[in-house]
Amino acid sequence: LLSSPNPTATAWDHVAAHVARRTPRLPLR
């Protein structure tokens, strides 16, 4: 993660994907 160009964004991508795999998407446009 630290070797990625943007560690914060890379970490967030993993967190958001982790949540998305385990919960339903909210009804947002």
Full PDB file with SEQRES, HELIX, SHEET, SSBOND, CRYST1, ORIGX, SCALE, CONECT and MASTER records, all heavy atoms in Angstrom:
SEQRES   1 A   29  LEU LEU SER SER PRO ASN PRO THR ALA THR ALA TRP ASP          
SEQRES   2 A   29  HIS VAL ALA ALA HIS VAL ALA ARG ARG THR PRO ARG LEU          
SEQRES   3 A   29  PRO LEU ARG                                                  
HELIX    1 AA1 PRO A    7  ARG A   22  1                                  16    
CRYST1    1.000    1.000    1.000  90.00  90.00  90.00 P 1           1          
ORIGX1      1.000000  0.000000  0.000000        0.00000                         
ORIGX2      0.000000  1.000000  0.000000        0.00000                         
ORIGX3      0.000000  0.000000  1.000000        0.00000                         
SCALE1      1.000000  0.000000  0.000000        0.00000                         
SCALE2      0.000000  1.000000  0.000000        0.00000                         
SCALE3      0.000000  0.000000  1.000000        0.00000                         
ATOM      1  N   LEU A   1       0.827  -1.198   0.000  1.00  0.00           N  
ATOM      2  CA  LEU A   1       0.000   0.000   0.000  1.00  0.00           C  
ATOM      3  C   LEU A   1       0.867   1.257   0.000  1.00  0.00           C  
ATOM      4  O   LEU A   1       0.614   2.196  -0.764  1.00  0.00           O  
ATOM      5  CB  LEU A   1      -0.905  -0.023   1.239  1.00  0.00           C  
ATOM      6  CG  LEU A   1      -1.887   1.105   1.402  1.00  0.00           C  
ATOM      7  CD1 LEU A   1      -3.099   0.846   0.527  1.00  0.00           C  
ATOM      8  CD2 LEU A   1      -2.308   1.198   2.846  1.00  0.00           C  
ATOM      9  N   LEU A   2       1.906   1.257   0.815  1.00  0.00           N  
ATOM     10  CA  LEU A   2       2.776   2.428   0.900  1.00  0.00           C  
ATOM     11  C   LEU A   2       3.549   2.688  -0.387  1.00  0.00           C  
ATOM     12  O   LEU A   2       3.953   3.818  -0.646  1.00  0.00           O  
ATOM     13  CB  LEU A   2       3.761   2.284   2.059  1.00  0.00           C  
ATOM     14  CG  LEU A   2       3.159   2.416   3.450  1.00  0.00           C  
ATOM     15  CD1 LEU A   2       4.246   2.253   4.502  1.00  0.00           C  
ATOM     16  CD2 LEU A   2       2.440   3.744   3.623  1.00  0.00           C  
ATOM     17  N   SER A   3       3.739   1.660  -1.185  1.00  0.00           N  
ATOM     18  CA  SER A   3       4.481   1.848  -2.434  1.00  0.00           C  
ATOM     19  C   SER A   3       3.591   2.337  -3.577  1.00  0.00           C  
ATOM     20  O   SER A   3       4.080   2.610  -4.667  1.00  0.00           O  
ATOM     21  CB  SER A   3       5.196   0.555  -2.838  1.00  0.00           C  
ATOM     22  OG  SER A   3       4.247  -0.434  -3.177  1.00  0.00           O  
ATOM     23  N   SER A   4       2.299   2.450  -3.341  1.00  0.00           N  
ATOM     24  CA  SER A   4       1.396   2.937  -4.387  1.00  0.00           C  
ATOM     25  C   SER A   4       1.551   4.455  -4.537  1.00  0.00           C  
ATOM     26  O   SER A   4       1.992   5.134  -3.607  1.00  0.00           O  
ATOM     27  CB  SER A   4      -0.052   2.570  -4.060  1.00  0.00           C  
ATOM     28  OG  SER A   4      -0.533   3.333  -2.991  1.00  0.00           O  
ATOM     29  N   PRO A   5       1.179   5.003  -5.689  1.00  0.00           N  
ATOM     30  CA  PRO A   5       1.320   6.458  -5.906  1.00  0.00           C  
ATOM     31  C   PRO A   5       0.500   7.307  -4.930  1.00  0.00           C  
ATOM     32  O   PRO A   5       0.887   8.412  -4.586  1.00  0.00           O  
ATOM     33  CB  PRO A   5       0.826   6.666  -7.338  1.00  0.00           C  
ATOM     34  CG  PRO A   5       0.878   5.333  -7.984  1.00  0.00           C  
ATOM     35  CD  PRO A   5       0.723   4.313  -6.887  1.00  0.00           C  
ATOM     36  N   ASN A   6      -0.657   6.783  -4.490  1.00  0.00           N  
ATOM     37  CA  ASN A   6      -1.519   7.512  -3.555  1.00  0.00           C  
ATOM     38  C   ASN A   6      -2.031   6.509  -2.520  1.00  0.00           C  
ATOM     39  O   ASN A   6      -3.111   5.944  -2.679  1.00  0.00           O  
ATOM     40  CB  ASN A   6      -2.683   8.169  -4.318  1.00  0.00           C  
ATOM     41  CG  ASN A   6      -3.551   9.042  -3.436  1.00  0.00           C  
ATOM     42  OD1 ASN A   6      -3.555   8.917  -2.208  1.00  0.00           O  
ATOM     43  ND2 ASN A   6      -4.318   9.926  -4.052  1.00  0.00           N  
ATOM     44  N   PRO A   7      -1.255   6.276  -1.449  1.00  0.00           N  
ATOM     45  CA  PRO A   7      -1.646   5.267  -0.455  1.00  0.00           C  
ATOM     46  C   PRO A   7      -3.027   5.498   0.156  1.00  0.00           C  
ATOM     47  O   PRO A   7      -3.761   4.539   0.398  1.00  0.00           O  
ATOM     48  CB  PRO A   7      -0.553   5.356   0.604  1.00  0.00           C  
ATOM     49  CG  PRO A   7       0.633   5.880  -0.138  1.00  0.00           C  
ATOM     50  CD  PRO A   7       0.061   6.835  -1.152  1.00  0.00           C  
ATOM     51  N   THR A   8      -3.390   6.749   0.372  1.00  0.00           N  
ATOM     52  CA  THR A   8      -4.700   7.038   0.955  1.00  0.00           C  
ATOM     53  C   THR A   8      -5.815   6.584   0.027  1.00  0.00           C  
ATOM     54  O   THR A   8      -6.772   5.939   0.460  1.00  0.00           O  
ATOM     55  CB  THR A   8      -4.841   8.538   1.267  1.00  0.00           C  
ATOM     56  OG1 THR A   8      -3.815   8.909   2.196  1.00  0.00           O  
ATOM     57  CG2 THR A   8      -6.194   8.875   1.864  1.00  0.00           C  
ATOM     58  N   ALA A   9      -5.693   6.901  -1.258  1.00  0.00           N  
ATOM     59  CA  ALA A   9      -6.708   6.497  -2.233  1.00  0.00           C  
ATOM     60  C   ALA A   9      -6.730   4.984  -2.404  1.00  0.00           C  
ATOM     61  O   ALA A   9      -7.802   4.380  -2.506  1.00  0.00           O  
ATOM     62  CB  ALA A   9      -6.459   7.178  -3.573  1.00  0.00           C  
ATOM     63  N   THR A  10      -5.565   4.362  -2.413  1.00  0.00           N  
ATOM     64  CA  THR A  10      -5.493   2.912  -2.555  1.00  0.00           C  
ATOM     65  C   THR A  10      -6.140   2.226  -1.359  1.00  0.00           C  
ATOM     66  O   THR A  10      -6.913   1.275  -1.516  1.00  0.00           O  
ATOM     67  CB  THR A  10      -4.031   2.452  -2.717  1.00  0.00           C  
ATOM     68  OG1 THR A  10      -3.478   3.111  -3.863  1.00  0.00           O  
ATOM     69  CG2 THR A  10      -3.933   0.954  -2.900  1.00  0.00           C  
ATOM     70  N   ALA A  11      -5.841   2.710  -0.163  1.00  0.00           N  
ATOM     71  CA  ALA A  11      -6.460   2.151   1.046  1.00  0.00           C  
ATOM     72  C   ALA A  11      -7.971   2.340   0.985  1.00  0.00           C  
ATOM     73  O   ALA A  11      -8.734   1.404   1.276  1.00  0.00           O  
ATOM     74  CB  ALA A  11      -5.887   2.813   2.297  1.00  0.00           C  
ATOM     75  N   TRP A  12      -8.411   3.527   0.599  1.00  0.00           N  
ATOM     76  CA  TRP A  12      -9.848   3.794   0.521  1.00  0.00           C  
ATOM     77  C   TRP A  12     -10.525   2.861  -0.480  1.00  0.00           C  
ATOM     78  O   TRP A  12     -11.613   2.348  -0.217  1.00  0.00           O  
ATOM     79  CB  TRP A  12     -10.125   5.251   0.163  1.00  0.00           C  
ATOM     80  CG  TRP A  12     -11.594   5.444  -0.058  1.00  0.00           C  
ATOM     81  CD1 TRP A  12     -12.233   5.652  -1.237  1.00  0.00           C  
ATOM     82  CD2 TRP A  12     -12.616   5.361   0.939  1.00  0.00           C  
ATOM     83  NE1 TRP A  12     -13.590   5.706  -1.032  1.00  0.00           N  
ATOM     84  CE2 TRP A  12     -13.853   5.536   0.286  1.00  0.00           C  
ATOM     85  CE3 TRP A  12     -12.607   5.160   2.313  1.00  0.00           C  
ATOM     86  CZ2 TRP A  12     -15.065   5.523   0.966  1.00  0.00           C  
ATOM     87  CZ3 TRP A  12     -13.823   5.145   3.000  1.00  0.00           C  
ATOM     88  CH2 TRP A  12     -15.029   5.327   2.332  1.00  0.00           C  
ATOM     89  N   ASP A  13      -9.898   2.640  -1.620  1.00  0.00           N  
ATOM     90  CA  ASP A  13     -10.476   1.733  -2.620  1.00  0.00           C  
ATOM     91  C   ASP A  13     -10.721   0.351  -2.014  1.00  0.00           C  
ATOM     92  O   ASP A  13     -11.759  -0.266  -2.256  1.00  0.00           O  
ATOM     93  CB  ASP A  13      -9.572   1.616  -3.847  1.00  0.00           C  
ATOM     94  CG  ASP A  13      -9.553   2.881  -4.696  1.00  0.00           C  
ATOM     95  OD1 ASP A  13     -10.458   3.734  -4.536  1.00  0.00           O  
ATOM     96  OD2 ASP A  13      -8.627   3.015  -5.516  1.00  0.00           O  
ATOM     97  N   HIS A  14      -9.768  -0.124  -1.222  1.00  0.00           N  
ATOM     98  CA  HIS A  14      -9.932  -1.437  -0.575  1.00  0.00           C  
ATOM     99  C   HIS A  14     -11.051  -1.405   0.467  1.00  0.00           C  
ATOM    100  O   HIS A  14     -11.846  -2.341   0.546  1.00  0.00           O  
ATOM    101  CB  HIS A  14      -8.621  -1.890   0.078  1.00  0.00           C  
ATOM    102  CG  HIS A  14      -7.586  -2.291  -0.908  1.00  0.00           C  
ATOM    103  ND1 HIS A  14      -7.713  -3.401  -1.724  1.00  0.00           N  
ATOM    104  CD2 HIS A  14      -6.397  -1.737  -1.227  1.00  0.00           C  
ATOM    105  CE1 HIS A  14      -6.648  -3.509  -2.495  1.00  0.00           C  
ATOM    106  NE2 HIS A  14      -5.842  -2.506  -2.217  1.00  0.00           N  
ATOM    107  N   VAL A  15     -11.112  -0.350   1.241  1.00  0.00           N  
ATOM    108  CA  VAL A  15     -12.151  -0.235   2.274  1.00  0.00           C  
ATOM    109  C   VAL A  15     -13.536  -0.149   1.629  1.00  0.00           C  
ATOM    110  O   VAL A  15     -14.459  -0.862   2.022  1.00  0.00           O  
ATOM    111  CB  VAL A  15     -11.896   0.982   3.187  1.00  0.00           C  
ATOM    112  CG1 VAL A  15     -13.081   1.244   4.108  1.00  0.00           C  
ATOM    113  CG2 VAL A  15     -10.623   0.772   3.990  1.00  0.00           C  
ATOM    114  N   ALA A  16     -13.685   0.712   0.638  1.00  0.00           N  
ATOM    115  CA  ALA A  16     -14.975   0.876  -0.031  1.00  0.00           C  
ATOM    116  C   ALA A  16     -15.414  -0.430  -0.707  1.00  0.00           C  
ATOM    117  O   ALA A  16     -16.588  -0.809  -0.639  1.00  0.00           O  
ATOM    118  CB  ALA A  16     -14.914   2.005  -1.054  1.00  0.00           C  
ATOM    119  N   ALA A  17     -14.475  -1.132  -1.327  1.00  0.00           N  
ATOM    120  CA  ALA A  17     -14.797  -2.418  -1.961  1.00  0.00           C  
ATOM    121  C   ALA A  17     -15.186  -3.457  -0.909  1.00  0.00           C  
ATOM    122  O   ALA A  17     -16.105  -4.253  -1.122  1.00  0.00           O  
ATOM    123  CB  ALA A  17     -13.611  -2.905  -2.789  1.00  0.00           C  
ATOM    124  N   HIS A  18     -14.499  -3.436   0.221  1.00  0.00           N  
ATOM    125  CA  HIS A  18     -14.801  -4.364   1.313  1.00  0.00           C  
ATOM    126  C   HIS A  18     -16.239  -4.152   1.807  1.00  0.00           C  
ATOM    127  O   HIS A  18     -16.993  -5.111   1.984  1.00  0.00           O  
ATOM    128  CB  HIS A  18     -13.786  -4.139   2.446  1.00  0.00           C  
ATOM    129  CG  HIS A  18     -13.926  -5.066   3.600  1.00  0.00           C  
ATOM    130  ND1 HIS A  18     -13.428  -6.341   3.592  1.00  0.00           N  
ATOM    131  CD2 HIS A  18     -14.518  -4.902   4.807  1.00  0.00           C  
ATOM    132  CE1 HIS A  18     -13.696  -6.931   4.744  1.00  0.00           C  
ATOM    133  NE2 HIS A  18     -14.362  -6.067   5.497  1.00  0.00           N  
ATOM    134  N   VAL A  19     -16.608  -2.905   1.993  1.00  0.00           N  
ATOM    135  CA  VAL A  19     -17.970  -2.583   2.438  1.00  0.00           C  
ATOM    136  C   VAL A  19     -18.979  -2.961   1.349  1.00  0.00           C  
ATOM    137  O   VAL A  19     -20.019  -3.545   1.640  1.00  0.00           O  
ATOM    138  CB  VAL A  19     -18.083  -1.092   2.828  1.00  0.00           C  
ATOM    139  CG1 VAL A  19     -19.535  -0.684   3.074  1.00  0.00           C  
ATOM    140  CG2 VAL A  19     -17.223  -0.789   4.054  1.00  0.00           C  
ATOM    141  N   ALA A  20     -18.657  -2.660   0.097  1.00  0.00           N  
ATOM    142  CA  ALA A  20     -19.582  -2.932  -1.014  1.00  0.00           C  
ATOM    143  C   ALA A  20     -19.849  -4.426  -1.189  1.00  0.00           C  
ATOM    144  O   ALA A  20     -20.964  -4.819  -1.540  1.00  0.00           O  
ATOM    145  CB  ALA A  20     -19.020  -2.351  -2.314  1.00  0.00           C  
ATOM    146  N   ARG A  21     -18.845  -5.260  -0.933  1.00  0.00           N  
ATOM    147  CA  ARG A  21     -19.036  -6.709  -1.065  1.00  0.00           C  
ATOM    148  C   ARG A  21     -19.938  -7.279   0.028  1.00  0.00           C  
ATOM    149  O   ARG A  21     -20.495  -8.355  -0.130  1.00  0.00           O  
ATOM    150  CB  ARG A  21     -17.683  -7.431  -1.021  1.00  0.00           C  
ATOM    151  CG  ARG A  21     -16.889  -7.346  -2.306  1.00  0.00           C  
ATOM    152  CD  ARG A  21     -15.669  -8.260  -2.275  1.00  0.00           C  
ATOM    153  NE  ARG A  21     -14.747  -7.987  -1.190  1.00  0.00           N  
ATOM    154  CZ  ARG A  21     -13.731  -7.124  -1.238  1.00  0.00           C  
ATOM    155  NH1 ARG A  21     -13.514  -6.431  -2.332  1.00  0.00           N  
ATOM    156  NH2 ARG A  21     -12.938  -6.959  -0.195  1.00  0.00           N  
ATOM    157  N   ARG A  22     -20.073  -6.570   1.127  1.00  0.00           N  
ATOM    158  CA  ARG A  22     -20.775  -7.124   2.280  1.00  0.00           C  
ATOM    159  C   ARG A  22     -22.087  -6.420   2.637  1.00  0.00           C  
ATOM    160  O   ARG A  22     -22.775  -6.843   3.559  1.00  0.00           O  
ATOM    161  CB  ARG A  22     -19.836  -7.093   3.494  1.00  0.00           C  
ATOM    162  CG  ARG A  22     -18.725  -8.117   3.357  1.00  0.00           C  
ATOM    163  CD  ARG A  22     -17.531  -7.800   4.227  1.00  0.00           C  
ATOM    164  NE  ARG A  22     -16.518  -8.835   4.098  1.00  0.00           N  
ATOM    165  CZ  ARG A  22     -15.634  -8.894   3.109  1.00  0.00           C  
ATOM    166  NH1 ARG A  22     -15.645  -7.988   2.154  1.00  0.00           N  
ATOM    167  NH2 ARG A  22     -14.737  -9.862   3.059  1.00  0.00           N  
ATOM    168  N   THR A  23     -22.401  -5.356   1.928  1.00  0.00           N  
ATOM    169  CA  THR A  23     -23.626  -4.608   2.230  1.00  0.00           C  
ATOM    170  C   THR A  23     -24.314  -4.208   0.928  1.00  0.00           C  
ATOM    171  O   THR A  23     -23.667  -4.101  -0.115  1.00  0.00           O  
ATOM    172  CB  THR A  23     -23.320  -3.320   3.033  1.00  0.00           C  
ATOM    173  OG1 THR A  23     -22.478  -2.467   2.252  1.00  0.00           O  
ATOM    174  CG2 THR A  23     -22.675  -3.623   4.364  1.00  0.00           C  
ATOM    175  N   PRO A  24     -25.616  -3.944   0.993  1.00  0.00           N  
ATOM    176  CA  PRO A  24     -26.306  -3.479  -0.222  1.00  0.00           C  
ATOM    177  C   PRO A  24     -25.953  -2.025  -0.518  1.00  0.00           C  
ATOM    178  O   PRO A  24     -25.642  -1.245   0.384  1.00  0.00           O  
ATOM    179  CB  PRO A  24     -27.782  -3.629   0.128  1.00  0.00           C  
ATOM    180  CG  PRO A  24     -27.848  -3.653   1.610  1.00  0.00           C  
ATOM    181  CD  PRO A  24     -26.535  -4.173   2.106  1.00  0.00           C  
ATOM    182  N   ARG A  25     -26.011  -1.691  -1.784  1.00  0.00           N  
ATOM    183  CA  ARG A  25     -25.756  -0.314  -2.215  1.00  0.00           C  
ATOM    184  C   ARG A  25     -26.935   0.536  -1.781  1.00  0.00           C  
ATOM    185  O   ARG A  25     -28.093   0.112  -1.858  1.00  0.00           O  
ATOM    186  CB  ARG A  25     -25.602  -0.295  -3.736  1.00  0.00           C  
ATOM    187  CG  ARG A  25     -25.119   1.034  -4.288  1.00  0.00           C  
ATOM    188  CD  ARG A  25     -25.030   0.938  -5.817  1.00  0.00           C  
ATOM    189  NE  ARG A  25     -24.325   1.994  -6.480  1.00  0.00           N  
ATOM    190  CZ  ARG A  25     -24.612   3.278  -6.469  1.00  0.00           C  
ATOM    191  NH1 ARG A  25     -25.610   3.710  -5.754  1.00  0.00           N  
ATOM    192  NH2 ARG A  25     -23.903   4.146  -7.145  1.00  0.00           N  
ATOM    193  N   LEU A  26     -26.661   1.741  -1.339  1.00  0.00           N  
ATOM    194  CA  LEU A  26     -27.724   2.656  -0.934  1.00  0.00           C  
ATOM    195  C   LEU A  26     -28.380   3.243  -2.184  1.00  0.00           C  
ATOM    196  O   LEU A  26     -27.717   3.409  -3.214  1.00  0.00           O  
ATOM    197  CB  LEU A  26     -27.137   3.764  -0.054  1.00  0.00           C  
ATOM    198  CG  LEU A  26     -26.478   3.281   1.244  1.00  0.00           C  
ATOM    199  CD1 LEU A  26     -25.776   4.419   1.942  1.00  0.00           C  
ATOM    200  CD2 LEU A  26     -27.505   2.635   2.146  1.00  0.00           C  
ATOM    201  N   PRO A  27     -29.667   3.580  -2.110  1.00  0.00           N  
ATOM    202  CA  PRO A  27     -30.370   4.096  -3.293  1.00  0.00           C  
ATOM    203  C   PRO A  27     -30.042   5.566  -3.563  1.00  0.00           C  
ATOM    204  O   PRO A  27     -30.848   6.465  -3.316  1.00  0.00           O  
ATOM    205  CB  PRO A  27     -31.845   3.891  -2.937  1.00  0.00           C  
ATOM    206  CG  PRO A  27     -31.864   3.987  -1.444  1.00  0.00           C  
ATOM    207  CD  PRO A  27     -30.562   3.407  -0.968  1.00  0.00           C  
ATOM    208  N   LEU A  28     -28.856   5.810  -4.073  1.00  0.00           N  
ATOM    209  CA  LEU A  28     -28.412   7.168  -4.378  1.00  0.00           C  
ATOM    210  C   LEU A  28     -28.186   7.298  -5.878  1.00  0.00           C  
ATOM    211  O   LEU A  28     -27.696   6.373  -6.516  1.00  0.00           O  
ATOM    212  CB  LEU A  28     -27.102   7.479  -3.651  1.00  0.00           C  
ATOM    213  CG  LEU A  28     -27.123   7.373  -2.131  1.00  0.00           C  
ATOM    214  CD1 LEU A  28     -25.715   7.544  -1.570  1.00  0.00           C  
ATOM    215  CD2 LEU A  28     -28.058   8.413  -1.543  1.00  0.00           C  
ATOM    216  N   ARG A  29     -28.537   8.461  -6.415  1.00  0.00           N  
ATOM    217  CA  ARG A  29     -28.287   8.722  -7.839  1.00  0.00           C  
ATOM    218  C   ARG A  29     -26.908   9.350  -7.970  1.00  0.00           C  
ATOM    219  O   ARG A  29     -26.735  10.533  -7.678  1.00  0.00           O  
ATOM    220  CB  ARG A  29     -29.358   9.647  -8.403  1.00  0.00           C  
ATOM    221  CG  ARG A  29     -30.692   8.931  -8.561  1.00  0.00           C  
ATOM    222  CD  ARG A  29     -31.728   9.858  -9.122  1.00  0.00           C  
ATOM    223  NE  ARG A  29     -32.481  10.351  -7.961  1.00  0.00           N  
ATOM    224  CZ  ARG A  29     -33.117  11.498  -7.902  1.00  0.00           C  
ATOM    225  NH1 ARG A  29     -33.131  12.305  -8.923  1.00  0.00           N  
ATOM    226  NH2 ARG A  29     -33.765  11.850  -6.813  1.00  0.00           N  
TER     227      ARG A  29                                                      
MASTER        0    0    0    1    0    0    0    6  226    1    0    3          
END                                                                             
